[in-house]
Amino acid sequence: MIREFRSTDDLEALTGLLHRAYSVQAGRGLRFTATHQSVEVTRLRIERGHCFVWEEGGRLVGTICLYPPDPENGQEVYRDPLTWHFGQFGVEPGGKGRGIGKQLHAKVLEEAYARGGRWMALDTAAPATDLIGMYGRWGYREVARHTWGTTNYESVILRRPLP
């Protein structure tokens, strides 16, 4: 079941979920923020946007954060007032292949559109061709590249129109 993250939810559990969800990328040597972020960073990232979780039996098994346009962002795509973006997106390894990620993604598309967005964007590691391929199948196309300085890779910025 998808719901908004609550202040009573366990940030340590959510941070652990992210670490596990990104462990394959970490094993490839890619330093996504979610591979190593602290509980405090998880909290700060949630506060910047709208965090949704997938809960089963009282346990969080998936998450995604939706972020509004950011006029202060270093990347032009994220400054566009009609472009929302998502991040901190992960599913427990044991829950993959069940459609949890697709449904979380559909939720942020719906939310962004309801809030006036007309485009959805994200960024991921250029070497993560499996993720780029998945997002391509979801309708995203590369629009820019950027090096954030907090990761060890060049990022591919992808965008798609909202339905």
N, C-alpha and C. Protein backbone atom coordinates (compact mmCIF):
# COMPACT_ATOMS: atom_id res chain seq x y z
N MET A 1 0.83 -1.17 0.00
CA MET A 1 0.00 0.00 0.00
C MET A 1 0.88 1.25 0.00
N ILE A 2 0.56 2.21 -0.86
CA ILE A 2 1.30 3.47 -0.93
C ILE A 2 0.65 4.48 0.00
N ARG A 3 1.51 5.18 0.72
CA ARG A 3 1.04 6.26 1.58
C ARG A 3 2.17 7.27 1.76
N GLU A 4 1.83 8.44 2.29
CA GLU A 4 2.85 9.43 2.58
C GLU A 4 3.65 8.99 3.80
N PHE A 5 4.92 9.33 3.78
CA PHE A 5 5.77 9.08 4.94
C PHE A 5 5.24 9.90 6.11
N ARG A 6 5.22 9.30 7.29
CA ARG A 6 4.71 9.97 8.49
C ARG A 6 5.86 10.30 9.43
N SER A 7 5.68 11.33 10.21
CA SER A 7 6.72 11.71 11.18
C SER A 7 6.98 10.61 12.19
N THR A 8 6.03 9.71 12.38
CA THR A 8 6.20 8.60 13.32
C THR A 8 6.90 7.39 12.69
N ASP A 9 7.13 7.43 11.37
CA ASP A 9 7.83 6.32 10.71
C ASP A 9 9.29 6.30 11.13
N ASP A 10 9.88 5.14 11.04
CA ASP A 10 11.25 4.89 11.47
C ASP A 10 12.25 5.32 10.39
N LEU A 11 12.95 6.44 10.63
CA LEU A 11 13.94 6.93 9.67
C LEU A 11 15.12 5.98 9.52
N GLU A 12 15.49 5.30 10.60
CA GLU A 12 16.59 4.33 10.50
C GLU A 12 16.19 3.18 9.59
N ALA A 13 14.96 2.71 9.71
CA ALA A 13 14.49 1.63 8.84
C ALA A 13 14.45 2.09 7.38
N LEU A 14 14.00 3.32 7.15
CA LEU A 14 13.95 3.83 5.78
C LEU A 14 15.36 3.98 5.20
N THR A 15 16.28 4.47 6.01
CA THR A 15 17.67 4.61 5.56
C THR A 15 18.26 3.24 5.24
N GLY A 16 18.00 2.25 6.07
CA GLY A 16 18.47 0.89 5.81
C GLY A 16 17.88 0.33 4.52
N LEU A 17 16.59 0.59 4.29
CA LEU A 17 15.95 0.18 3.05
C LEU A 17 16.69 0.77 1.85
N LEU A 18 17.00 2.05 1.91
CA LEU A 18 17.71 2.70 0.81
C LEU A 18 19.09 2.09 0.59
N HIS A 19 19.81 1.85 1.67
CA HIS A 19 21.14 1.22 1.54
C HIS A 19 21.02 -0.14 0.86
N ARG A 20 20.04 -0.94 1.25
CA ARG A 20 19.86 -2.26 0.63
C ARG A 20 19.43 -2.14 -0.83
N ALA A 21 18.52 -1.20 -1.10
CA ALA A 21 18.02 -1.02 -2.46
C ALA A 21 19.13 -0.59 -3.41
N TYR A 22 20.09 0.16 -2.92
CA TYR A 22 21.18 0.66 -3.75
C TYR A 22 22.44 -0.18 -3.64
N SER A 23 22.37 -1.31 -2.98
CA SER A 23 23.58 -2.13 -2.76
C SER A 23 24.18 -2.65 -4.07
N VAL A 24 23.36 -2.94 -5.06
CA VAL A 24 23.88 -3.40 -6.36
C VAL A 24 24.73 -2.29 -6.98
N GLN A 25 24.22 -1.06 -6.92
CA GLN A 25 24.98 0.06 -7.48
C GLN A 25 26.26 0.30 -6.69
N ALA A 26 26.18 0.18 -5.38
CA ALA A 26 27.37 0.33 -4.54
C ALA A 26 28.40 -0.75 -4.90
N GLY A 27 27.92 -1.97 -5.15
CA GLY A 27 28.80 -3.06 -5.55
C GLY A 27 29.50 -2.81 -6.87
N ARG A 28 28.91 -1.96 -7.69
CA ARG A 28 29.52 -1.56 -8.97
C ARG A 28 30.50 -0.41 -8.79
N GLY A 29 30.62 0.07 -7.55
CA GLY A 29 31.52 1.18 -7.28
C GLY A 29 30.90 2.55 -7.48
N LEU A 30 29.58 2.60 -7.67
CA LEU A 30 28.89 3.88 -7.87
C LEU A 30 28.44 4.42 -6.52
N ARG A 31 28.81 5.65 -6.25
CA ARG A 31 28.53 6.27 -4.95
C ARG A 31 27.28 7.16 -5.02
N PHE A 32 26.13 6.52 -5.27
CA PHE A 32 24.85 7.23 -5.14
C PHE A 32 24.74 7.69 -3.68
N THR A 33 24.09 8.81 -3.45
CA THR A 33 23.90 9.28 -2.08
C THR A 33 23.23 8.20 -1.24
N ALA A 34 22.24 7.53 -1.80
CA ALA A 34 21.48 6.53 -1.04
C ALA A 34 22.29 5.27 -0.70
N THR A 35 23.48 5.12 -1.27
CA THR A 35 24.30 3.95 -0.92
C THR A 35 24.90 4.08 0.47
N HIS A 36 25.01 5.31 0.97
CA HIS A 36 25.75 5.52 2.21
C HIS A 36 25.17 6.62 3.11
N GLN A 37 24.07 7.23 2.72
CA GLN A 37 23.57 8.38 3.48
C GLN A 37 23.23 8.04 4.92
N SER A 38 23.37 9.05 5.76
CA SER A 38 23.03 8.91 7.18
C SER A 38 21.52 9.10 7.37
N VAL A 39 21.05 8.79 8.55
CA VAL A 39 19.64 9.00 8.89
C VAL A 39 19.30 10.49 8.76
N GLU A 40 20.23 11.34 9.16
CA GLU A 40 20.01 12.79 9.07
C GLU A 40 19.85 13.23 7.61
N VAL A 41 20.64 12.69 6.72
CA VAL A 41 20.51 13.04 5.30
C VAL A 41 19.16 12.53 4.76
N THR A 42 18.75 11.35 5.18
CA THR A 42 17.44 10.84 4.78
C THR A 42 16.36 11.82 5.20
N ARG A 43 16.42 12.27 6.44
CA ARG A 43 15.43 13.22 6.96
C ARG A 43 15.44 14.52 6.16
N LEU A 44 16.62 15.07 5.88
CA LEU A 44 16.72 16.32 5.13
C LEU A 44 16.17 16.18 3.72
N ARG A 45 16.44 15.04 3.08
CA ARG A 45 15.93 14.82 1.73
C ARG A 45 14.40 14.70 1.73
N ILE A 46 13.85 14.08 2.75
CA ILE A 46 12.39 13.98 2.88
C ILE A 46 11.78 15.36 3.07
N GLU A 47 12.40 16.19 3.90
CA GLU A 47 11.86 17.51 4.20
C GLU A 47 11.84 18.43 2.98
N ARG A 48 12.68 18.17 2.00
CA ARG A 48 12.72 19.00 0.78
C ARG A 48 11.57 18.72 -0.18
N GLY A 49 10.86 17.63 0.04
CA GLY A 49 9.82 17.26 -0.92
C GLY A 49 8.66 16.54 -0.27
N HIS A 50 8.12 15.60 -1.03
CA HIS A 50 6.99 14.79 -0.59
C HIS A 50 7.43 13.33 -0.69
N CYS A 51 7.52 12.67 0.43
CA CYS A 51 8.00 11.29 0.46
C CYS A 51 6.82 10.33 0.55
N PHE A 52 6.87 9.32 -0.32
CA PHE A 52 5.87 8.27 -0.31
C PHE A 52 6.56 6.95 -0.03
N VAL A 53 5.85 6.06 0.64
CA VAL A 53 6.38 4.74 0.96
C VAL A 53 5.38 3.67 0.58
N TRP A 54 5.90 2.49 0.38
CA TRP A 54 5.08 1.29 0.18
C TRP A 54 5.24 0.49 1.46
N GLU A 55 4.12 0.24 2.11
CA GLU A 55 4.13 -0.48 3.38
C GLU A 55 3.41 -1.82 3.23
N GLU A 56 4.03 -2.85 3.78
CA GLU A 56 3.41 -4.19 3.83
C GLU A 56 3.60 -4.75 5.22
N GLY A 57 2.52 -5.09 5.86
CA GLY A 57 2.60 -5.70 7.18
C GLY A 57 3.36 -4.86 8.19
N GLY A 58 3.20 -3.55 8.10
CA GLY A 58 3.87 -2.66 9.03
C GLY A 58 5.33 -2.39 8.70
N ARG A 59 5.80 -2.91 7.59
CA ARG A 59 7.21 -2.76 7.19
C ARG A 59 7.30 -1.95 5.89
N LEU A 60 8.24 -1.00 5.84
CA LEU A 60 8.46 -0.21 4.63
C LEU A 60 9.30 -1.04 3.66
N VAL A 61 8.78 -1.22 2.43
CA VAL A 61 9.51 -2.02 1.43
C VAL A 61 9.82 -1.23 0.17
N GLY A 62 9.38 0.02 0.09
CA GLY A 62 9.69 0.87 -1.05
C GLY A 62 9.50 2.32 -0.69
N THR A 63 10.19 3.19 -1.43
CA THR A 63 10.07 4.62 -1.17
C THR A 63 10.43 5.42 -2.41
N ILE A 64 9.90 6.63 -2.46
CA ILE A 64 10.21 7.59 -3.52
C ILE A 64 9.91 8.98 -2.98
N CYS A 65 10.74 9.96 -3.34
CA CYS A 65 10.50 11.34 -2.94
C CYS A 65 10.28 12.20 -4.17
N LEU A 66 9.26 13.01 -4.11
CA LEU A 66 8.90 13.94 -5.18
C LEU A 66 9.34 15.34 -4.77
N TYR A 67 10.03 16.02 -5.69
CA TYR A 67 10.56 17.35 -5.40
C TYR A 67 10.01 18.38 -6.38
N PRO A 68 9.64 19.56 -5.86
CA PRO A 68 9.12 20.62 -6.73
C PRO A 68 10.26 21.29 -7.49
N PRO A 69 9.91 22.13 -8.48
CA PRO A 69 10.94 22.91 -9.17
C PRO A 69 11.77 23.69 -8.15
N ASP A 70 13.05 23.81 -8.42
CA ASP A 70 13.97 24.44 -7.48
C ASP A 70 14.76 25.55 -8.18
N PRO A 71 14.37 26.80 -7.99
CA PRO A 71 15.03 27.90 -8.69
C PRO A 71 16.51 28.06 -8.32
N GLU A 72 16.96 27.41 -7.24
CA GLU A 72 18.35 27.51 -6.80
C GLU A 72 19.20 26.34 -7.28
N ASN A 73 18.61 25.38 -7.96
CA ASN A 73 19.32 24.17 -8.37
C ASN A 73 20.40 24.49 -9.40
N GLY A 74 21.51 23.75 -9.33
CA GLY A 74 22.61 23.94 -10.26
C GLY A 74 22.35 23.40 -11.65
N GLN A 75 21.26 22.71 -11.84
CA GLN A 75 20.93 22.13 -13.15
C GLN A 75 19.67 22.81 -13.69
N GLU A 76 19.78 23.33 -14.88
CA GLU A 76 18.69 24.10 -15.50
C GLU A 76 17.36 23.34 -15.54
N VAL A 77 17.40 22.06 -15.84
CA VAL A 77 16.17 21.27 -15.94
C VAL A 77 15.38 21.35 -14.63
N TYR A 78 16.07 21.27 -13.50
CA TYR A 78 15.41 21.29 -12.20
C TYR A 78 14.92 22.68 -11.79
N ARG A 79 15.38 23.71 -12.49
CA ARG A 79 14.89 25.08 -12.23
C ARG A 79 13.62 25.39 -13.00
N ASP A 80 13.31 24.63 -14.04
CA ASP A 80 12.12 24.86 -14.86
C ASP A 80 10.88 24.80 -13.98
N PRO A 81 10.05 25.85 -13.96
CA PRO A 81 8.89 25.87 -13.06
C PRO A 81 7.82 24.82 -13.35
N LEU A 82 7.89 24.17 -14.51
CA LEU A 82 6.91 23.12 -14.82
C LEU A 82 7.49 21.72 -14.67
N THR A 83 8.74 21.62 -14.25
CA THR A 83 9.40 20.32 -14.11
C THR A 83 9.60 19.95 -12.65
N TRP A 84 8.99 18.86 -12.25
CA TRP A 84 9.19 18.27 -10.94
C TRP A 84 10.19 17.13 -11.13
N HIS A 85 10.78 16.66 -10.06
CA HIS A 85 11.69 15.51 -10.19
C HIS A 85 11.55 14.61 -8.97
N PHE A 86 12.06 13.41 -9.12
CA PHE A 86 12.01 12.47 -8.01
C PHE A 86 13.40 11.92 -7.73
N GLY A 87 13.54 11.41 -6.52
CA GLY A 87 14.79 10.82 -6.08
C GLY A 87 14.54 9.94 -4.88
N GLN A 88 15.62 9.51 -4.25
CA GLN A 88 15.53 8.65 -3.08
C GLN A 88 14.50 7.55 -3.33
N PHE A 89 14.64 6.92 -4.49
CA PHE A 89 13.70 5.92 -5.00
C PHE A 89 14.32 4.54 -4.85
N GLY A 90 13.68 3.69 -4.07
CA GLY A 90 14.22 2.35 -3.90
C GLY A 90 13.19 1.36 -3.41
N VAL A 91 13.46 0.10 -3.73
CA VAL A 91 12.60 -1.01 -3.31
C VAL A 91 13.51 -2.07 -2.70
N GLU A 92 13.04 -2.67 -1.61
CA GLU A 92 13.79 -3.78 -0.99
C GLU A 92 14.16 -4.80 -2.07
N PRO A 93 15.38 -5.30 -2.06
CA PRO A 93 15.75 -6.29 -3.08
C PRO A 93 14.77 -7.45 -3.19
N GLY A 94 14.24 -7.94 -2.09
CA GLY A 94 13.29 -9.05 -2.12
C GLY A 94 11.93 -8.67 -2.67
N GLY A 95 11.64 -7.37 -2.79
CA GLY A 95 10.36 -6.92 -3.31
C GLY A 95 10.40 -6.53 -4.78
N LYS A 96 11.57 -6.61 -5.38
CA LYS A 96 11.69 -6.21 -6.79
C LYS A 96 10.99 -7.20 -7.69
N GLY A 97 10.49 -6.70 -8.82
CA GLY A 97 9.80 -7.54 -9.78
C GLY A 97 8.32 -7.72 -9.49
N ARG A 98 7.80 -7.03 -8.49
CA ARG A 98 6.38 -7.14 -8.13
C ARG A 98 5.58 -5.90 -8.51
N GLY A 99 6.21 -4.94 -9.16
CA GLY A 99 5.50 -3.74 -9.57
C GLY A 99 5.47 -2.63 -8.54
N ILE A 100 6.16 -2.80 -7.43
CA ILE A 100 6.17 -1.78 -6.38
C ILE A 100 6.78 -0.49 -6.90
N GLY A 101 7.92 -0.59 -7.56
CA GLY A 101 8.58 0.59 -8.10
C GLY A 101 7.73 1.31 -9.13
N LYS A 102 7.10 0.55 -10.01
CA LYS A 102 6.24 1.16 -11.03
C LYS A 102 5.08 1.91 -10.39
N GLN A 103 4.49 1.33 -9.35
CA GLN A 103 3.36 1.98 -8.71
C GLN A 103 3.78 3.22 -7.92
N LEU A 104 4.95 3.18 -7.29
CA LEU A 104 5.47 4.36 -6.61
C LEU A 104 5.73 5.47 -7.64
N HIS A 105 6.31 5.09 -8.76
CA HIS A 105 6.58 6.05 -9.83
C HIS A 105 5.27 6.66 -10.34
N ALA A 106 4.26 5.83 -10.57
CA ALA A 106 2.96 6.34 -11.03
C ALA A 106 2.38 7.33 -10.02
N LYS A 107 2.59 7.09 -8.74
CA LYS A 107 2.09 7.99 -7.70
C LYS A 107 2.73 9.37 -7.81
N VAL A 108 4.06 9.43 -8.03
CA VAL A 108 4.68 10.76 -8.11
C VAL A 108 4.30 11.47 -9.41
N LEU A 109 4.08 10.72 -10.50
CA LEU A 109 3.60 11.36 -11.73
C LEU A 109 2.25 12.04 -11.47
N GLU A 110 1.37 11.31 -10.84
CA GLU A 110 0.02 11.82 -10.53
C GLU A 110 0.09 13.04 -9.61
N GLU A 111 0.91 12.94 -8.57
CA GLU A 111 1.04 14.04 -7.61
C GLU A 111 1.63 15.29 -8.25
N ALA A 112 2.67 15.12 -9.06
CA ALA A 112 3.30 16.28 -9.71
C ALA A 112 2.31 16.97 -10.65
N TYR A 113 1.56 16.19 -11.40
CA TYR A 113 0.58 16.77 -12.32
C TYR A 113 -0.49 17.54 -11.53
N ALA A 114 -0.96 16.96 -10.44
CA ALA A 114 -1.99 17.60 -9.62
C ALA A 114 -1.49 18.91 -9.02
N ARG A 115 -0.16 19.03 -8.86
CA ARG A 115 0.43 20.24 -8.27
C ARG A 115 0.89 21.24 -9.34
N GLY A 116 0.51 21.00 -10.60
CA GLY A 116 0.83 21.94 -11.66
C GLY A 116 2.01 21.58 -12.53
N GLY A 117 2.65 20.47 -12.26
CA GLY A 117 3.78 20.05 -13.07
C GLY A 117 3.35 19.55 -14.43
N ARG A 118 4.21 19.69 -15.41
CA ARG A 118 3.93 19.17 -16.75
C ARG A 118 5.05 18.26 -17.24
N TRP A 119 6.15 18.21 -16.50
CA TRP A 119 7.29 17.34 -16.82
C TRP A 119 7.77 16.67 -15.53
N MET A 120 8.31 15.46 -15.69
CA MET A 120 8.97 14.77 -14.58
C MET A 120 10.40 14.51 -15.00
N ALA A 121 11.32 14.72 -14.08
CA ALA A 121 12.73 14.51 -14.36
C ALA A 121 13.37 13.69 -13.23
N LEU A 122 14.55 13.20 -13.52
CA LEU A 122 15.37 12.48 -12.55
C LEU A 122 16.78 12.49 -13.06
N ASP A 123 17.71 12.13 -12.19
CA ASP A 123 19.07 11.91 -12.67
C ASP A 123 19.58 10.60 -12.08
N THR A 124 20.46 9.98 -12.84
CA THR A 124 21.07 8.73 -12.43
C THR A 124 22.47 8.67 -13.00
N ALA A 125 23.23 7.71 -12.52
CA ALA A 125 24.62 7.57 -12.96
C ALA A 125 24.70 7.15 -14.42
N ALA A 126 25.55 7.83 -15.19
CA ALA A 126 25.75 7.46 -16.60
C ALA A 126 26.16 5.99 -16.75
N PRO A 127 26.99 5.43 -15.85
CA PRO A 127 27.34 4.02 -16.01
C PRO A 127 26.21 3.03 -15.67
N ALA A 128 25.13 3.51 -15.06
CA ALA A 128 24.01 2.63 -14.66
C ALA A 128 23.08 2.44 -15.86
N THR A 129 23.58 1.78 -16.88
CA THR A 129 22.82 1.62 -18.13
C THR A 129 21.54 0.82 -17.92
N ASP A 130 21.51 -0.07 -16.93
CA ASP A 130 20.28 -0.81 -16.65
C ASP A 130 19.18 0.13 -16.18
N LEU A 131 19.52 1.08 -15.30
CA LEU A 131 18.54 2.05 -14.82
C LEU A 131 18.11 3.00 -15.94
N ILE A 132 19.07 3.46 -16.73
CA ILE A 132 18.75 4.34 -17.85
C ILE A 132 17.81 3.64 -18.82
N GLY A 133 18.05 2.36 -19.07
CA GLY A 133 17.18 1.58 -19.94
C GLY A 133 15.77 1.45 -19.38
N MET A 134 15.66 1.20 -18.06
CA MET A 134 14.35 1.10 -17.44
C MET A 134 13.60 2.42 -17.57
N TYR A 135 14.28 3.51 -17.26
CA TYR A 135 13.62 4.81 -17.35
C TYR A 135 13.25 5.13 -18.80
N GLY A 136 14.05 4.70 -19.75
CA GLY A 136 13.71 4.87 -21.16
C GLY A 136 12.42 4.15 -21.51
N ARG A 137 12.26 2.94 -20.96
CA ARG A 137 11.01 2.19 -21.20
C ARG A 137 9.82 2.87 -20.53
N TRP A 138 10.09 3.68 -19.51
CA TRP A 138 9.04 4.43 -18.82
C TRP A 138 8.77 5.78 -19.47
N GLY A 139 9.42 6.05 -20.61
CA GLY A 139 9.14 7.27 -21.36
C GLY A 139 10.13 8.41 -21.18
N TYR A 140 11.18 8.20 -20.44
CA TYR A 140 12.17 9.26 -20.20
C TYR A 140 13.20 9.31 -21.31
N ARG A 141 13.67 10.53 -21.58
CA ARG A 141 14.72 10.75 -22.57
C ARG A 141 15.79 11.65 -21.96
N GLU A 142 17.03 11.41 -22.32
CA GLU A 142 18.14 12.23 -21.81
C GLU A 142 18.00 13.66 -22.32
N VAL A 143 18.15 14.62 -21.40
CA VAL A 143 18.09 16.03 -21.77
C VAL A 143 19.34 16.80 -21.36
N ALA A 144 20.15 16.22 -20.48
CA ALA A 144 21.36 16.91 -20.03
C ALA A 144 22.26 15.92 -19.29
N ARG A 145 23.45 16.39 -19.00
CA ARG A 145 24.39 15.66 -18.14
C ARG A 145 24.93 16.67 -17.13
N HIS A 146 25.30 16.16 -15.98
CA HIS A 146 25.77 17.05 -14.91
C HIS A 146 26.67 16.27 -13.96
N THR A 147 27.66 16.94 -13.43
CA THR A 147 28.49 16.37 -12.37
C THR A 147 28.20 17.15 -11.11
N TRP A 148 27.65 16.47 -10.11
CA TRP A 148 27.19 17.13 -8.90
C TRP A 148 28.31 17.44 -7.92
N GLY A 149 29.39 16.68 -7.94
CA GLY A 149 30.46 16.90 -6.99
C GLY A 149 30.31 16.09 -5.71
N THR A 150 29.15 15.49 -5.49
CA THR A 150 28.93 14.66 -4.30
C THR A 150 28.90 13.18 -4.66
N THR A 151 29.02 12.88 -5.94
CA THR A 151 29.03 11.50 -6.41
C THR A 151 30.34 11.26 -7.16
N ASN A 152 30.60 10.03 -7.53
CA ASN A 152 31.83 9.70 -8.25
C ASN A 152 31.56 9.36 -9.71
N TYR A 153 30.54 9.97 -10.28
CA TYR A 153 30.16 9.69 -11.67
C TYR A 153 29.49 10.92 -12.27
N GLU A 154 29.41 10.90 -13.59
CA GLU A 154 28.63 11.90 -14.30
C GLU A 154 27.17 11.43 -14.27
N SER A 155 26.26 12.37 -14.05
CA SER A 155 24.83 12.04 -14.03
C SER A 155 24.19 12.31 -15.38
N VAL A 156 23.27 11.44 -15.74
CA VAL A 156 22.41 11.63 -16.91
C VAL A 156 21.09 12.16 -16.36
N ILE A 157 20.63 13.28 -16.91
CA ILE A 157 19.36 13.85 -16.48
C ILE A 157 18.33 13.48 -17.55
N LEU A 158 17.27 12.86 -17.08
CA LEU A 158 16.21 12.35 -17.95
C LEU A 158 14.92 13.08 -17.64
N ARG A 159 14.08 13.24 -18.67
CA ARG A 159 12.80 13.93 -18.47
C ARG A 159 11.75 13.33 -19.37
N ARG A 160 10.50 13.40 -18.92
CA ARG A 160 9.36 12.94 -19.72
C ARG A 160 8.18 13.86 -19.44
N PRO A 161 7.25 13.93 -20.39
CA PRO A 161 6.03 14.70 -20.11
C PRO A 161 5.15 13.95 -19.11
N LEU A 162 4.40 14.70 -18.35
CA LEU A 162 3.44 14.06 -17.43
C LEU A 162 2.19 13.71 -18.21
N PRO A 163 1.55 12.61 -17.84
CA PRO A 163 0.35 12.19 -18.58
C PRO A 163 -0.82 13.16 -18.36
